[in-house]
Amino acid sequence: MTADVSALLAEYEARTWEPTHRERAFAEDLARGQTSSTWLRAGLREAPPGRLADVLVPVAAVLEREPALPEDLVLAVRRLLDAVAPLP
């Protein structure tokens, strides 16, 4: 799971994946929140279709099952969202 999130970030940084305007806005909304399964699930209800949502849906499922959030996964998600979200 962490590998999938990191792979999408690597594609973004290599410019082989370009998020849509709606995906960027979605990432910005998520980047403002506290990392939790509830936060991610709520955000995914409004997610535009695309690779970003495809990677985050399984992350939300893992966060719901794990009593303690896997730190490497949370960090990978934060890095991805911060990179994709448009600059202020």
N, C-alpha and C. Protein backbone atom coordinates (compact mmCIF):
# COMPACT_ATOMS: atom_id res chain seq x y z
N MET A 1 0.82 -1.19 0.00
CA MET A 1 0.00 0.00 0.00
C MET A 1 0.87 1.25 0.00
N THR A 2 1.82 1.31 0.91
CA THR A 2 2.74 2.45 0.95
C THR A 2 3.48 2.55 -0.37
N ALA A 3 3.82 1.40 -0.94
CA ALA A 3 4.52 1.39 -2.23
C ALA A 3 3.67 1.99 -3.33
N ASP A 4 2.36 1.73 -3.32
CA ASP A 4 1.48 2.30 -4.35
C ASP A 4 1.41 3.82 -4.24
N VAL A 5 1.31 4.31 -3.02
CA VAL A 5 1.26 5.76 -2.79
C VAL A 5 2.58 6.39 -3.21
N SER A 6 3.67 5.78 -2.81
CA SER A 6 5.00 6.29 -3.17
C SER A 6 5.24 6.23 -4.67
N ALA A 7 4.75 5.19 -5.32
CA ALA A 7 4.90 5.06 -6.77
C ALA A 7 4.16 6.18 -7.50
N LEU A 8 2.97 6.52 -7.03
CA LEU A 8 2.22 7.61 -7.68
C LEU A 8 2.94 8.93 -7.46
N LEU A 9 3.50 9.15 -6.29
CA LEU A 9 4.28 10.36 -6.04
C LEU A 9 5.49 10.40 -6.97
N ALA A 10 6.16 9.27 -7.15
CA ALA A 10 7.32 9.22 -8.05
C ALA A 10 6.90 9.54 -9.49
N GLU A 11 5.75 9.05 -9.91
CA GLU A 11 5.25 9.35 -11.26
C GLU A 11 4.95 10.84 -11.38
N TYR A 12 4.39 11.41 -10.34
CA TYR A 12 4.09 12.84 -10.36
C TYR A 12 5.39 13.64 -10.47
N GLU A 13 6.36 13.29 -9.66
CA GLU A 13 7.64 14.00 -9.67
C GLU A 13 8.39 13.82 -10.98
N ALA A 14 8.22 12.67 -11.63
CA ALA A 14 8.86 12.41 -12.92
C ALA A 14 8.04 12.97 -14.08
N ARG A 15 6.89 13.53 -13.75
CA ARG A 15 5.98 14.11 -14.74
C ARG A 15 5.41 13.08 -15.73
N THR A 16 5.29 11.85 -15.25
CA THR A 16 4.64 10.83 -16.08
C THR A 16 3.17 10.68 -15.72
N TRP A 17 2.77 11.30 -14.61
CA TRP A 17 1.36 11.40 -14.23
C TRP A 17 1.08 12.84 -13.86
N GLU A 18 0.04 13.39 -14.45
CA GLU A 18 -0.36 14.76 -14.16
C GLU A 18 -1.79 14.74 -13.61
N PRO A 19 -1.98 15.14 -12.36
CA PRO A 19 -3.33 15.15 -11.81
C PRO A 19 -4.20 16.19 -12.51
N THR A 20 -5.48 15.90 -12.56
CA THR A 20 -6.42 16.86 -13.13
C THR A 20 -6.60 18.02 -12.16
N HIS A 21 -7.22 19.08 -12.63
CA HIS A 21 -7.51 20.23 -11.77
C HIS A 21 -8.37 19.78 -10.58
N ARG A 22 -9.34 18.92 -10.84
CA ARG A 22 -10.21 18.43 -9.76
C ARG A 22 -9.44 17.57 -8.77
N GLU A 23 -8.48 16.77 -9.25
CA GLU A 23 -7.67 15.97 -8.33
C GLU A 23 -6.80 16.88 -7.46
N ARG A 24 -6.28 17.95 -8.05
CA ARG A 24 -5.47 18.90 -7.26
C ARG A 24 -6.32 19.56 -6.17
N ALA A 25 -7.53 19.97 -6.51
CA ALA A 25 -8.42 20.58 -5.52
C ALA A 25 -8.77 19.57 -4.42
N PHE A 26 -9.00 18.34 -4.81
CA PHE A 26 -9.28 17.26 -3.87
C PHE A 26 -8.10 17.06 -2.92
N ALA A 27 -6.89 17.01 -3.48
CA ALA A 27 -5.68 16.85 -2.66
C ALA A 27 -5.53 18.02 -1.70
N GLU A 28 -5.84 19.22 -2.16
CA GLU A 28 -5.73 20.40 -1.28
C GLU A 28 -6.71 20.29 -0.12
N ASP A 29 -7.93 19.87 -0.39
CA ASP A 29 -8.92 19.70 0.68
C ASP A 29 -8.45 18.65 1.69
N LEU A 30 -7.93 17.54 1.20
CA LEU A 30 -7.45 16.49 2.10
C LEU A 30 -6.21 16.92 2.87
N ALA A 31 -5.35 17.68 2.23
CA ALA A 31 -4.10 18.10 2.88
C ALA A 31 -4.36 18.98 4.09
N ARG A 32 -5.51 19.61 4.15
CA ARG A 32 -5.85 20.49 5.28
C ARG A 32 -6.31 19.72 6.51
N GLY A 33 -6.67 18.45 6.34
CA GLY A 33 -7.27 17.69 7.44
C GLY A 33 -6.28 16.89 8.25
N GLN A 34 -6.80 16.31 9.30
CA GLN A 34 -6.02 15.43 10.18
C GLN A 34 -6.09 14.02 9.60
N THR A 35 -4.97 13.35 9.54
CA THR A 35 -4.92 12.02 8.95
C THR A 35 -5.63 11.00 9.83
N SER A 36 -6.75 10.50 9.33
CA SER A 36 -7.50 9.44 10.01
C SER A 36 -8.37 8.75 8.97
N SER A 37 -8.89 7.59 9.32
CA SER A 37 -9.76 6.88 8.37
C SER A 37 -11.04 7.68 8.12
N THR A 38 -11.57 8.31 9.14
CA THR A 38 -12.80 9.10 8.99
C THR A 38 -12.57 10.27 8.05
N TRP A 39 -11.46 10.97 8.23
CA TRP A 39 -11.10 12.11 7.38
C TRP A 39 -10.96 11.67 5.93
N LEU A 40 -10.28 10.55 5.71
CA LEU A 40 -10.05 10.09 4.34
C LEU A 40 -11.34 9.58 3.71
N ARG A 41 -12.13 8.81 4.44
CA ARG A 41 -13.40 8.31 3.91
C ARG A 41 -14.33 9.46 3.52
N ALA A 42 -14.42 10.47 4.38
CA ALA A 42 -15.28 11.62 4.08
C ALA A 42 -14.78 12.33 2.82
N GLY A 43 -13.49 12.50 2.71
CA GLY A 43 -12.93 13.15 1.52
C GLY A 43 -13.17 12.34 0.26
N LEU A 44 -13.09 11.03 0.36
CA LEU A 44 -13.27 10.18 -0.81
C LEU A 44 -14.70 10.19 -1.34
N ARG A 45 -15.64 10.56 -0.50
CA ARG A 45 -17.04 10.65 -0.98
C ARG A 45 -17.17 11.72 -2.06
N GLU A 46 -16.31 12.72 -2.01
CA GLU A 46 -16.36 13.83 -2.96
C GLU A 46 -15.23 13.74 -4.00
N ALA A 47 -14.50 12.65 -3.99
CA ALA A 47 -13.32 12.54 -4.85
C ALA A 47 -13.69 12.45 -6.32
N PRO A 48 -12.95 13.17 -7.15
CA PRO A 48 -13.14 13.01 -8.59
C PRO A 48 -12.53 11.67 -9.01
N PRO A 49 -13.04 11.07 -10.07
CA PRO A 49 -12.43 9.83 -10.53
C PRO A 49 -11.01 10.09 -11.01
N GLY A 50 -10.15 9.11 -10.81
CA GLY A 50 -8.77 9.26 -11.27
C GLY A 50 -7.82 8.44 -10.43
N ARG A 51 -6.56 8.55 -10.77
CA ARG A 51 -5.53 7.74 -10.12
C ARG A 51 -5.36 8.08 -8.65
N LEU A 52 -5.51 9.34 -8.29
CA LEU A 52 -5.35 9.72 -6.89
C LEU A 52 -6.37 8.99 -6.02
N ALA A 53 -7.62 9.03 -6.41
CA ALA A 53 -8.66 8.33 -5.65
C ALA A 53 -8.42 6.82 -5.69
N ASP A 54 -8.00 6.30 -6.83
CA ASP A 54 -7.74 4.86 -6.95
C ASP A 54 -6.70 4.40 -5.94
N VAL A 55 -5.70 5.23 -5.66
CA VAL A 55 -4.65 4.88 -4.71
C VAL A 55 -5.13 5.07 -3.27
N LEU A 56 -5.98 6.06 -3.04
CA LEU A 56 -6.39 6.38 -1.68
C LEU A 56 -7.52 5.51 -1.14
N VAL A 57 -8.34 4.93 -1.98
CA VAL A 57 -9.44 4.07 -1.51
C VAL A 57 -8.90 2.90 -0.67
N PRO A 58 -7.91 2.15 -1.15
CA PRO A 58 -7.40 1.07 -0.30
C PRO A 58 -6.70 1.58 0.96
N VAL A 59 -6.11 2.76 0.89
CA VAL A 59 -5.48 3.35 2.08
C VAL A 59 -6.52 3.57 3.16
N ALA A 60 -7.68 4.08 2.78
CA ALA A 60 -8.75 4.31 3.75
C ALA A 60 -9.17 3.01 4.42
N ALA A 61 -9.23 1.94 3.64
CA ALA A 61 -9.61 0.64 4.20
C ALA A 61 -8.57 0.16 5.22
N VAL A 62 -7.30 0.36 4.93
CA VAL A 62 -6.24 -0.03 5.87
C VAL A 62 -6.32 0.80 7.13
N LEU A 63 -6.53 2.09 6.98
CA LEU A 63 -6.61 2.96 8.15
C LEU A 63 -7.80 2.61 9.04
N GLU A 64 -8.87 2.09 8.45
CA GLU A 64 -10.03 1.68 9.24
C GLU A 64 -9.75 0.40 10.03
N ARG A 65 -8.90 -0.47 9.50
CA ARG A 65 -8.62 -1.76 10.16
C ARG A 65 -7.53 -1.67 11.21
N GLU A 66 -6.58 -0.82 11.01
CA GLU A 66 -5.41 -0.76 11.89
C GLU A 66 -5.71 0.08 13.14
N PRO A 67 -5.49 -0.48 14.33
CA PRO A 67 -5.73 0.31 15.55
C PRO A 67 -4.76 1.49 15.66
N ALA A 68 -3.52 1.26 15.30
CA ALA A 68 -2.54 2.35 15.27
C ALA A 68 -2.20 2.61 13.80
N LEU A 69 -2.26 3.86 13.41
CA LEU A 69 -2.01 4.18 12.02
C LEU A 69 -0.57 3.83 11.64
N PRO A 70 -0.38 3.08 10.55
CA PRO A 70 0.98 2.77 10.10
C PRO A 70 1.69 4.07 9.70
N GLU A 71 2.73 4.40 10.45
CA GLU A 71 3.40 5.69 10.27
C GLU A 71 3.94 5.88 8.86
N ASP A 72 4.51 4.83 8.27
CA ASP A 72 5.06 4.97 6.92
C ASP A 72 3.97 5.24 5.89
N LEU A 73 2.80 4.65 6.08
CA LEU A 73 1.69 4.87 5.17
C LEU A 73 1.15 6.29 5.31
N VAL A 74 0.97 6.74 6.53
CA VAL A 74 0.48 8.10 6.77
C VAL A 74 1.45 9.12 6.18
N LEU A 75 2.73 8.92 6.38
CA LEU A 75 3.74 9.82 5.85
C LEU A 75 3.72 9.84 4.33
N ALA A 76 3.58 8.68 3.71
CA ALA A 76 3.53 8.60 2.25
C ALA A 76 2.31 9.34 1.71
N VAL A 77 1.16 9.18 2.36
CA VAL A 77 -0.06 9.87 1.94
C VAL A 77 0.12 11.38 2.07
N ARG A 78 0.68 11.81 3.19
CA ARG A 78 0.91 13.25 3.41
C ARG A 78 1.83 13.83 2.34
N ARG A 79 2.90 13.11 2.02
CA ARG A 79 3.84 13.58 0.99
C ARG A 79 3.15 13.72 -0.36
N LEU A 80 2.34 12.72 -0.71
CA LEU A 80 1.62 12.75 -1.98
C LEU A 80 0.66 13.93 -2.03
N LEU A 81 -0.15 14.08 -0.99
CA LEU A 81 -1.12 15.17 -0.97
C LEU A 81 -0.44 16.54 -1.00
N ASP A 82 0.64 16.70 -0.26
CA ASP A 82 1.35 17.98 -0.24
C ASP A 82 1.96 18.29 -1.61
N ALA A 83 2.42 17.27 -2.31
CA ALA A 83 3.02 17.49 -3.62
C ALA A 83 1.96 17.85 -4.67
N VAL A 84 0.83 17.17 -4.61
CA VAL A 84 -0.21 17.34 -5.63
C VAL A 84 -1.03 18.61 -5.41
N ALA A 85 -1.26 18.96 -4.14
CA ALA A 85 -2.06 20.15 -3.84
C ALA A 85 -1.40 21.38 -4.44
N PRO A 86 -2.20 22.25 -5.04
CA PRO A 86 -1.61 23.46 -5.63
C PRO A 86 -0.99 24.36 -4.56
N LEU A 87 0.01 25.06 -4.94
CA LEU A 87 0.66 25.97 -4.01
C LEU A 87 -0.28 27.12 -3.68
N PRO A 88 -0.21 27.64 -2.43
CA PRO A 88 -1.12 28.73 -2.05
C PRO A 88 -0.81 30.00 -2.80
